[in-house]
Amino acid sequence: FLTPNGTLITAQRGTPASLPCEVVSLGDGVVTWFRRKDFHLLTVGHAVYSSDERFHVQGPMRSTQTQDWALQIRFVQERDSGLYQCQLSTHPPSSLFVELVVVEAHAEIDGGPEKYVKSGSTLKLTCHLRQSSVTPDFVFWYQDERMINYEGAAGVKVISDAASSTLIIERAQSVHSGNYSCVPYNVNPSSVIVHILNGKKEKIPSRHRLLSSKLSSVILFLHVVHCNPLDFTLSLSLSMCSRRHSNFTSSPSYIRP
């Protein structure tokens, strides 16, 4: 064998996979392929013994010194993952093992799951193809239910390469808000919610503003129970105030119907 034993082949779900079995000086010998997990006979020479029509052997049609009897699997699925055995009809028989790993390719948009863009600025969404072994024939971009990159939508530009696709919309307006989806062919899609901010009312609450709001509520509570807010610390968790005003918090006389 010229193919190393234990060769690892990675294939994307839905694409073809080729498992090599390169031999030298086969002569009158025959190459046989087995699936190891169930010892299922797949091929003998060029003949296919599996009822699964996705399997076939792309072996040489004439005798040469070096021959590759590669097992071909069309439209691989996750169930096809595992060890495959290429066996030569020598005496004794010799074998090599090839492992097939089928991966699920998926898209991933930078900055998800939500993205905020100021009105009039450029909206740029980059979609990366993860675990993709084959460049997809098409990458579709949708705004909500409408495809926008193949319909000639005004102001929309898409730049794609083998590993990513970038959607660019210059001078984005409120009409560009919505759910954007990156849908590559034969790859699980990805989506992101885009918000176009037009005014002050649409500004995103920052962590500082949210914390300030919570602290304001705490200070208001402390005034209600007549506790000095300066005595309050997060580490004590109001225990200081509770001890100083235990009569207030425990006495039912302060409760009025």
C-alpha atoms as a PDB file:
ATOM      1  CA  PHE A   1       0.000   0.000   0.000  1.00  0.00           C
ATOM      2  CA  LEU A   2       1.120   3.528  -0.731  1.00  0.00           C
ATOM      3  CA  THR A   3      -1.785   4.987   1.244  1.00  0.00           C
ATOM      4  CA  PRO A   4      -0.792   5.282   4.937  1.00  0.00           C
ATOM      5  CA  ASN A   5      -2.741   3.042   7.281  1.00  0.00           C
ATOM      6  CA  GLY A   6      -5.152   5.045   9.442  1.00  0.00           C
ATOM      7  CA  THR A   7      -5.566   7.857   6.900  1.00  0.00           C
ATOM      8  CA  LEU A   8      -8.179  10.360   8.120  1.00  0.00           C
ATOM      9  CA  ILE A   9     -10.628  11.835   5.618  1.00  0.00           C
ATOM     10  CA  THR A  10     -12.921  14.711   6.632  1.00  0.00           C
ATOM     11  CA  ALA A  11     -15.968  15.440   4.499  1.00  0.00           C
ATOM     12  CA  GLN A  12     -18.824  17.889   4.793  1.00  0.00           C
ATOM     13  CA  ARG A  13     -22.323  16.456   5.043  1.00  0.00           C
ATOM     14  CA  GLY A  14     -24.031  16.355   1.661  1.00  0.00           C
ATOM     15  CA  THR A  15     -20.803  16.429  -0.350  1.00  0.00           C
ATOM     16  CA  PRO A  16     -18.869  13.563  -1.985  1.00  0.00           C
ATOM     17  CA  ALA A  17     -16.079  11.772  -0.120  1.00  0.00           C
ATOM     18  CA  SER A  18     -13.165   9.843  -1.591  1.00  0.00           C
ATOM     19  CA  LEU A  19     -11.379   7.212   0.520  1.00  0.00           C
ATOM     20  CA  PRO A  20      -7.982   6.392  -1.026  1.00  0.00           C
ATOM     21  CA  CYS A  21      -6.476   2.938  -1.384  1.00  0.00           C
ATOM     22  CA  GLU A  22      -3.347   3.201  -3.502  1.00  0.00           C
ATOM     23  CA  VAL A  23      -1.593  -0.084  -4.173  1.00  0.00           C
ATOM     24  CA  VAL A  24       1.554  -1.197  -5.991  1.00  0.00           C
ATOM     25  CA  SER A  25       1.921  -4.248  -8.223  1.00  0.00           C
ATOM     26  CA  LEU A  26      -1.603  -5.565  -7.719  1.00  0.00           C
ATOM     27  CA  GLY A  27      -1.245  -8.049 -10.572  1.00  0.00           C
ATOM     28  CA  ASP A  28      -4.190 -10.448 -10.630  1.00  0.00           C
ATOM     29  CA  GLY A  29      -5.227  -9.426  -7.130  1.00  0.00           C
ATOM     30  CA  VAL A  30      -8.601  -7.931  -6.274  1.00  0.00           C
ATOM     31  CA  VAL A  31      -9.369  -4.935  -4.074  1.00  0.00           C
ATOM     32  CA  THR A  32     -12.303  -5.260  -1.680  1.00  0.00           C
ATOM     33  CA  TRP A  33     -13.888  -2.543   0.485  1.00  0.00           C
ATOM     34  CA  PHE A  34     -15.681  -3.223   3.793  1.00  0.00           C
ATOM     35  CA  ARG A  35     -17.442  -0.952   6.256  1.00  0.00           C
ATOM     36  CA  ARG A  36     -15.982  -1.983   9.584  1.00  0.00           C
ATOM     37  CA  LYS A  37     -18.766  -1.025  11.998  1.00  0.00           C
ATOM     38  CA  ASP A  38     -21.098  -3.672  10.557  1.00  0.00           C
ATOM     39  CA  PHE A  39     -18.604  -5.657   8.405  1.00  0.00           C
ATOM     40  CA  HIS A  40     -20.729  -4.799   5.391  1.00  0.00           C
ATOM     41  CA  LEU A  41     -19.225  -5.759   2.023  1.00  0.00           C
ATOM     42  CA  LEU A  42     -19.318  -2.693  -0.209  1.00  0.00           C
ATOM     43  CA  THR A  43     -17.310  -3.469  -3.347  1.00  0.00           C
ATOM     44  CA  VAL A  44     -15.221  -6.189  -4.960  1.00  0.00           C
ATOM     45  CA  GLY A  45     -13.116  -4.806  -7.758  1.00  0.00           C
ATOM     46  CA  HIS A  46     -15.426  -2.530  -9.738  1.00  0.00           C
ATOM     47  CA  ALA A  47     -18.544  -4.450  -8.670  1.00  0.00           C
ATOM     48  CA  VAL A  48     -20.761  -2.874  -6.020  1.00  0.00           C
ATOM     49  CA  TYR A  49     -22.323  -5.234  -3.464  1.00  0.00           C
ATOM     50  CA  SER A  50     -24.156  -2.628  -1.411  1.00  0.00           C
ATOM     51  CA  SER A  51     -27.782  -1.712  -2.001  1.00  0.00           C
ATOM     52  CA  ASP A  52     -26.808   1.883  -1.233  1.00  0.00           C
ATOM     53  CA  GLU A  53     -26.282   3.446  -4.650  1.00  0.00           C
ATOM     54  CA  ARG A  54     -24.071   6.168  -3.204  1.00  0.00           C
ATOM     55  CA  PHE A  55     -21.101   3.773  -3.073  1.00  0.00           C
ATOM     56  CA  HIS A  56     -18.834   2.999  -6.000  1.00  0.00           C
ATOM     57  CA  VAL A  57     -15.140   2.474  -6.727  1.00  0.00           C
ATOM     58  CA  GLN A  58     -13.154   4.708  -9.004  1.00  0.00           C
ATOM     59  CA  GLY A  59     -10.477   2.167  -9.827  1.00  0.00           C
ATOM     60  CA  PRO A  60      -8.173   2.076 -12.846  1.00  0.00           C
ATOM     61  CA  MET A  61      -9.605   0.588 -16.022  1.00  0.00           C
ATOM     62  CA  ARG A  62      -6.215  -0.739 -17.163  1.00  0.00           C
ATOM     63  CA  SER A  63      -3.284  -2.361 -15.423  1.00  0.00           C
ATOM     64  CA  THR A  64      -0.572  -0.028 -14.194  1.00  0.00           C
ATOM     65  CA  GLN A  65       2.234  -0.346 -11.668  1.00  0.00           C
ATOM     66  CA  THR A  66       0.491   1.970  -9.195  1.00  0.00           C
ATOM     67  CA  GLN A  67      -3.284   1.943  -8.864  1.00  0.00           C
ATOM     68  CA  ASP A  68      -5.681   3.879  -6.643  1.00  0.00           C
ATOM     69  CA  TRP A  69      -8.853   1.969  -5.833  1.00  0.00           C
ATOM     70  CA  ALA A  70     -10.594   4.831  -4.075  1.00  0.00           C
ATOM     71  CA  LEU A  71     -13.994   4.236  -2.524  1.00  0.00           C
ATOM     72  CA  GLN A  72     -16.370   7.033  -3.530  1.00  0.00           C
ATOM     73  CA  ILE A  73     -19.385   7.995  -1.429  1.00  0.00           C
ATOM     74  CA  ARG A  74     -21.866  10.499  -2.820  1.00  0.00           C
ATOM     75  CA  PHE A  75     -23.818  12.837  -0.521  1.00  0.00           C
ATOM     76  CA  VAL A  76     -22.183  11.636   2.707  1.00  0.00           C
ATOM     77  CA  GLN A  77     -24.262  11.659   5.893  1.00  0.00           C
ATOM     78  CA  GLU A  78     -23.278  11.528   9.554  1.00  0.00           C
ATOM     79  CA  ARG A  79     -24.096   7.821   9.639  1.00  0.00           C
ATOM     80  CA  ASP A  80     -21.270   7.234   7.126  1.00  0.00           C
ATOM     81  CA  SER A  81     -18.624   8.237   9.674  1.00  0.00           C
ATOM     82  CA  GLY A  82     -16.317   5.454  10.825  1.00  0.00           C
ATOM     83  CA  LEU A  83     -13.632   3.024   9.709  1.00  0.00           C
ATOM     84  CA  TYR A  84     -13.462   1.522   6.222  1.00  0.00           C
ATOM     85  CA  GLN A  85     -11.222  -1.391   5.276  1.00  0.00           C
ATOM     86  CA  CYS A  86      -9.465  -1.769   1.940  1.00  0.00           C
ATOM     87  CA  GLN A  87      -8.327  -5.385   1.524  1.00  0.00           C
ATOM     88  CA  LEU A  88      -6.096  -7.010  -1.098  1.00  0.00           C
ATOM     89  CA  SER A  89      -6.632 -10.638  -2.093  1.00  0.00           C
ATOM     90  CA  THR A  90      -3.032 -11.601  -1.388  1.00  0.00           C
ATOM     91  CA  HIS A  91      -1.923 -14.664   0.571  1.00  0.00           C
ATOM     92  CA  PRO A  92      -2.417 -13.893   3.374  1.00  0.00           C
ATOM     93  CA  PRO A  93      -4.787 -10.961   2.681  1.00  0.00           C
ATOM     94  CA  SER A  94      -3.436  -7.510   3.535  1.00  0.00           C
ATOM     95  CA  SER A  95      -5.541  -4.547   4.607  1.00  0.00           C
ATOM     96  CA  LEU A  96      -5.411  -0.873   5.411  1.00  0.00           C
ATOM     97  CA  PHE A  97      -7.935   1.228   7.276  1.00  0.00           C
ATOM     98  CA  VAL A  98      -9.270   4.651   6.350  1.00  0.00           C
ATOM     99  CA  GLU A  99     -11.351   6.687   8.795  1.00  0.00           C
ATOM    100  CA  LEU A 100     -14.100   8.959   7.515  1.00  0.00           C
ATOM    101  CA  VAL A 101     -15.323  11.866   9.645  1.00  0.00           C
ATOM    102  CA  VAL A 102     -18.448  13.666   8.423  1.00  0.00           C
ATOM    103  CA  VAL A 103     -18.833  17.209   9.746  1.00  0.00           C
ATOM    104  CA  GLU A 104     -21.817  19.558   9.779  1.00  0.00           C
ATOM    105  CA  ALA A 105     -20.884  22.853   8.159  1.00  0.00           C
ATOM    106  CA  HIS A 106     -22.547  25.966   9.575  1.00  0.00           C
ATOM    107  CA  ALA A 107     -22.568  29.701   9.002  1.00  0.00           C
ATOM    108  CA  GLU A 108     -21.720  32.252  11.697  1.00  0.00           C
ATOM    109  CA  ILE A 109     -22.371  36.008  11.441  1.00  0.00           C
ATOM    110  CA  ASP A 110     -20.008  38.280  13.370  1.00  0.00           C
ATOM    111  CA  GLY A 111     -21.567  40.317  16.168  1.00  0.00           C
ATOM    112  CA  GLY A 112     -24.718  38.271  16.626  1.00  0.00           C
ATOM    113  CA  PRO A 113     -27.380  37.764  17.778  1.00  0.00           C
ATOM    114  CA  GLU A 114     -28.198  41.513  17.599  1.00  0.00           C
ATOM    115  CA  LYS A 115     -26.419  44.396  15.935  1.00  0.00           C
ATOM    116  CA  TYR A 116     -27.029  48.144  16.373  1.00  0.00           C
ATOM    117  CA  VAL A 117     -26.094  50.631  13.656  1.00  0.00           C
ATOM    118  CA  LYS A 118     -26.554  54.409  13.555  1.00  0.00           C
ATOM    119  CA  SER A 119     -28.726  55.753  10.778  1.00  0.00           C
ATOM    120  CA  GLY A 120     -26.639  56.949   7.845  1.00  0.00           C
ATOM    121  CA  SER A 121     -23.626  54.774   8.647  1.00  0.00           C
ATOM    122  CA  THR A 122     -22.523  51.599   6.881  1.00  0.00           C
ATOM    123  CA  LEU A 123     -24.104  48.273   7.799  1.00  0.00           C
ATOM    124  CA  LYS A 124     -21.566  45.479   7.374  1.00  0.00           C
ATOM    125  CA  LEU A 125     -22.325  41.838   8.132  1.00  0.00           C
ATOM    126  CA  THR A 126     -19.665  39.152   7.688  1.00  0.00           C
ATOM    127  CA  CYS A 127     -20.761  35.524   7.494  1.00  0.00           C
ATOM    128  CA  HIS A 128     -18.058  32.899   8.113  1.00  0.00           C
ATOM    129  CA  LEU A 129     -18.329  29.314   6.904  1.00  0.00           C
ATOM    130  CA  ARG A 130     -17.334  26.956   9.706  1.00  0.00           C
ATOM    131  CA  GLN A 131     -16.228  23.345   9.084  1.00  0.00           C
ATOM    132  CA  SER A 132     -16.920  23.751   5.389  1.00  0.00           C
ATOM    133  CA  SER A 133     -14.746  21.493   3.240  1.00  0.00           C
ATOM    134  CA  VAL A 134     -16.376  22.564  -0.018  1.00  0.00           C
ATOM    135  CA  THR A 135     -16.953  26.124  -1.185  1.00  0.00           C
ATOM    136  CA  PRO A 136     -20.745  26.548  -1.569  1.00  0.00           C
ATOM    137  CA  ASP A 137     -22.033  27.343  -5.038  1.00  0.00           C
ATOM    138  CA  PHE A 138     -24.222  30.130  -3.652  1.00  0.00           C
ATOM    139  CA  VAL A 139     -24.505  32.232  -0.503  1.00  0.00           C
ATOM    140  CA  PHE A 140     -27.940  33.834  -0.165  1.00  0.00           C
ATOM    141  CA  TRP A 141     -28.611  36.885   2.014  1.00  0.00           C
ATOM    142  CA  TYR A 142     -32.126  37.580   3.278  1.00  0.00           C
ATOM    143  CA  GLN A 143     -33.676  40.577   5.010  1.00  0.00           C
ATOM    144  CA  ASP A 144     -36.618  38.989   6.802  1.00  0.00           C
ATOM    145  CA  GLU A 145     -38.203  36.868   4.042  1.00  0.00           C
ATOM    146  CA  ARG A 146     -36.765  38.776   1.062  1.00  0.00           C
ATOM    147  CA  MET A 147     -33.605  37.725  -0.746  1.00  0.00           C
ATOM    148  CA  ILE A 148     -31.524  40.856  -1.275  1.00  0.00           C
ATOM    149  CA  ASN A 149     -28.226  39.891  -2.899  1.00  0.00           C
ATOM    150  CA  TYR A 150     -29.554  38.330  -6.117  1.00  0.00           C
ATOM    151  CA  GLU A 151     -32.479  40.686  -6.653  1.00  0.00           C
ATOM    152  CA  GLY A 152     -30.429  43.817  -7.280  1.00  0.00           C
ATOM    153  CA  ALA A 153     -31.597  45.631  -4.149  1.00  0.00           C
ATOM    154  CA  ALA A 154     -30.431  49.252  -4.167  1.00  0.00           C
ATOM    155  CA  GLY A 155     -27.308  49.967  -2.145  1.00  0.00           C
ATOM    156  CA  VAL A 156     -26.601  46.297  -1.390  1.00  0.00           C
ATOM    157  CA  LYS A 157     -23.152  44.861  -2.120  1.00  0.00           C
ATOM    158  CA  VAL A 158     -21.868  41.355  -1.362  1.00  0.00           C
ATOM    159  CA  ILE A 159     -18.215  40.277  -1.342  1.00  0.00           C
ATOM    160  CA  SER A 160     -17.590  36.521  -1.092  1.00  0.00           C
ATOM    161  CA  ASP A 161     -14.619  34.177  -0.996  1.00  0.00           C
ATOM    162  CA  ALA A 162     -14.093  30.507  -0.152  1.00  0.00           C
ATOM    163  CA  ALA A 163     -14.491  31.006   3.601  1.00  0.00           C
ATOM    164  CA  SER A 164     -16.838  33.973   4.084  1.00  0.00           C
ATOM    165  CA  SER A 165     -19.411  36.329   2.606  1.00  0.00           C
ATOM    166  CA  THR A 166     -19.778  40.009   3.547  1.00  0.00           C
ATOM    167  CA  LEU A 167     -22.955  42.045   3.085  1.00  0.00           C
ATOM    168  CA  ILE A 168     -22.459  45.828   2.860  1.00  0.00           C
ATOM    169  CA  ILE A 169     -25.215  48.459   2.890  1.00  0.00           C
ATOM    170  CA  GLU A 170     -24.002  52.048   2.815  1.00  0.00           C
ATOM    171  CA  ARG A 171     -25.984  54.865   4.441  1.00  0.00           C
ATOM    172  CA  ALA A 172     -28.312  52.467   6.245  1.00  0.00           C
ATOM    173  CA  GLN A 173     -31.794  53.765   7.074  1.00  0.00           C
ATOM    174  CA  SER A 174     -34.664  52.543   9.234  1.00  0.00           C
ATOM    175  CA  VAL A 175     -35.987  50.431   6.340  1.00  0.00           C
ATOM    176  CA  HIS A 176     -32.837  48.334   6.671  1.00  0.00           C
ATOM    177  CA  SER A 177     -33.785  47.141  10.165  1.00  0.00           C
ATOM    178  CA  GLY A 178     -34.813  43.510  10.398  1.00  0.00           C
ATOM    179  CA  ASN A 179     -33.725  39.902  10.614  1.00  0.00           C
ATOM    180  CA  TYR A 180     -30.747  39.231   8.326  1.00  0.00           C
ATOM    181  CA  SER A 181     -29.938  35.642   7.387  1.00  0.00           C
ATOM    182  CA  CYS A 182     -26.868  34.187   5.718  1.00  0.00           C
ATOM    183  CA  VAL A 183     -27.904  31.013   3.882  1.00  0.00           C
ATOM    184  CA  PRO A 184     -25.043  29.240   2.087  1.00  0.00           C
ATOM    185  CA  TYR A 185     -25.906  26.285  -0.126  1.00  0.00           C
ATOM    186  CA  ASN A 186     -25.639  22.980   1.787  1.00  0.00           C
ATOM    187  CA  VAL A 187     -24.594  24.775   5.004  1.00  0.00           C
ATOM    188  CA  ASN A 188     -26.673  25.464   8.119  1.00  0.00           C
ATOM    189  CA  PRO A 189     -27.682  29.163   8.064  1.00  0.00           C
ATOM    190  CA  SER A 190     -27.075  31.956  10.568  1.00  0.00           C
ATOM    191  CA  SER A 191     -29.090  35.082  11.372  1.00  0.00           C
ATOM    192  CA  VAL A 192     -28.788  38.364  13.250  1.00  0.00           C
ATOM    193  CA  ILE A 193     -31.291  41.064  14.224  1.00  0.00           C
ATOM    194  CA  VAL A 194     -30.244  44.502  12.936  1.00  0.00           C
ATOM    195  CA  HIS A 195     -31.509  47.705  14.575  1.00  0.00           C
ATOM    196  CA  ILE A 196     -30.996  51.021  12.788  1.00  0.00           C
ATOM    197  CA  LEU A 197     -30.951  53.784  15.429  1.00  0.00           C
ATOM    198  CA  ASN A 198     -32.541  57.063  14.344  1.00  0.00           C
ATOM    199  CA  GLY A 199     -32.788  59.078  17.565  1.00  0.00           C
ATOM    200  CA  LYS A 200     -31.926  59.362  21.234  1.00  0.00           C
ATOM    201  CA  LYS A 201     -34.936  57.305  22.261  1.00  0.00           C
ATOM    202  CA  GLU A 202     -33.499  54.302  20.456  1.00  0.00           C
ATOM    203  CA  LYS A 203     -30.140  54.354  22.228  1.00  0.00           C
ATOM    204  CA  ILE A 204     -29.142  51.092  23.836  1.00  0.00           C
ATOM    205  CA  PRO A 205     -29.153  51.068  27.636  1.00  0.00           C
ATOM    206  CA  SER A 206     -25.559  50.611  28.741  1.00  0.00           C
ATOM    207  CA  ARG A 207     -24.529  48.459  31.686  1.00  0.00           C
ATOM    208  CA  HIS A 208     -23.706  51.669  33.578  1.00  0.00           C
ATOM    209  CA  ARG A 209     -27.183  53.081  32.998  1.00  0.00           C
ATOM    210  CA  LEU A 210     -28.833  49.826  34.039  1.00  0.00           C
ATOM    211  CA  LEU A 211     -26.706  49.702  37.200  1.00  0.00           C
ATOM    212  CA  SER A 212     -27.517  53.347  37.999  1.00  0.00           C
ATOM    213  CA  SER A 213     -31.215  52.585  37.668  1.00  0.00           C
ATOM    214  CA  LYS A 214     -30.929  49.647  40.059  1.00  0.00           C
ATOM    215  CA  LEU A 215     -28.948  51.728  42.585  1.00  0.00           C
ATOM    216  CA  SER A 216     -31.580  54.473  42.427  1.00  0.00           C
ATOM    217  CA  SER A 217     -34.237  51.922  43.353  1.00  0.00           C
ATOM    218  CA  VAL A 218     -32.126  50.714  46.283  1.00  0.00           C
ATOM    219  CA  ILE A 219     -31.546  54.270  47.564  1.00  0.00           C
ATOM    220  CA  LEU A 220     -35.287  54.979  47.335  1.00  0.00           C
ATOM    221  CA  PHE A 221     -35.977  51.863  49.395  1.00  0.00           C
ATOM    222  CA  LEU A 222     -33.443  52.956  52.023  1.00  0.00           C
ATOM    223  CA  HIS A 223     -35.142  56.344  52.388  1.00  0.00           C
ATOM    224  CA  VAL A 224     -38.507  54.622  52.817  1.00  0.00           C
ATOM    225  CA  VAL A 225     -37.182  52.554  55.738  1.00  0.00           C
ATOM    226  CA  HIS A 226     -35.406  55.643  57.165  1.00  0.00           C
ATOM    227  CA  CYS A 227     -31.927  54.247  56.618  1.00  0.00           C
ATOM    228  CA  ASN A 228     -29.048  56.506  55.638  1.00  0.00           C
ATOM    229  CA  PRO A 229     -28.052  55.469  52.104  1.00  0.00           C
ATOM    230  CA  LEU A 230     -24.404  56.151  52.960  1.00  0.00           C
ATOM    231  CA  ASP A 231     -24.501  53.229  55.393  1.00  0.00           C
ATOM    232  CA  PHE A 232     -25.441  50.855  52.605  1.00  0.00           C
ATOM    233  CA  THR A 233     -22.861  48.582  51.009  1.00  0.00           C
ATOM    234  CA  LEU A 234     -23.372  45.697  48.608  1.00  0.00           C
ATOM    235  CA  SER A 235     -21.195  43.374  50.667  1.00  0.00           C
ATOM    236  CA  LEU A 236     -23.407  43.741  53.722  1.00  0.00           C
ATOM    237  CA  SER A 237     -26.535  43.251  51.598  1.00  0.00           C
ATOM    238  CA  LEU A 238     -28.635  45.668  53.678  1.00  0.00           C
ATOM    239  CA  SER A 239     -27.816  43.797  56.905  1.00  0.00           C
ATOM    240  CA  MET A 240     -26.592  47.043  58.544  1.00  0.00           C
ATOM    241  CA  CYS A 241     -29.885  48.752  57.821  1.00  0.00           C
ATOM    242  CA  SER A 242     -31.863  45.761  59.015  1.00  0.00           C
ATOM    243  CA  ARG A 243     -30.046  45.698  62.364  1.00  0.00           C
ATOM    244  CA  ARG A 244     -30.390  49.467  62.922  1.00  0.00           C
ATOM    245  CA  HIS A 245     -34.104  49.430  62.179  1.00  0.00           C
ATOM    246  CA  SER A 246     -35.152  46.004  63.341  1.00  0.00           C
ATOM    247  CA  ASN A 247     -38.096  47.533  65.182  1.00  0.00           C
ATOM    248  CA  PHE A 248     -39.366  49.076  61.966  1.00  0.00           C
ATOM    249  CA  THR A 249     -39.101  45.915  59.932  1.00  0.00           C
ATOM    250  CA  SER A 250     -40.523  43.572  62.574  1.00  0.00           C
ATOM    251  CA  SER A 251     -43.236  45.618  64.295  1.00  0.00           C
ATOM    252  CA  PRO A 252     -46.738  45.184  62.818  1.00  0.00           C
ATOM    253  CA  SER A 253     -47.718  48.618  64.164  1.00  0.00           C
ATOM    254  CA  TYR A 254     -46.127  50.251  61.105  1.00  0.00           C
ATOM    255  CA  ILE A 255     -48.435  48.387  58.764  1.00  0.00           C
ATOM    256  CA  ARG A 256     -51.624  50.247  57.971  1.00  0.00           C
ATOM    257  CA  PRO A 257     -54.590  48.756  56.130  1.00  0.00           C
END
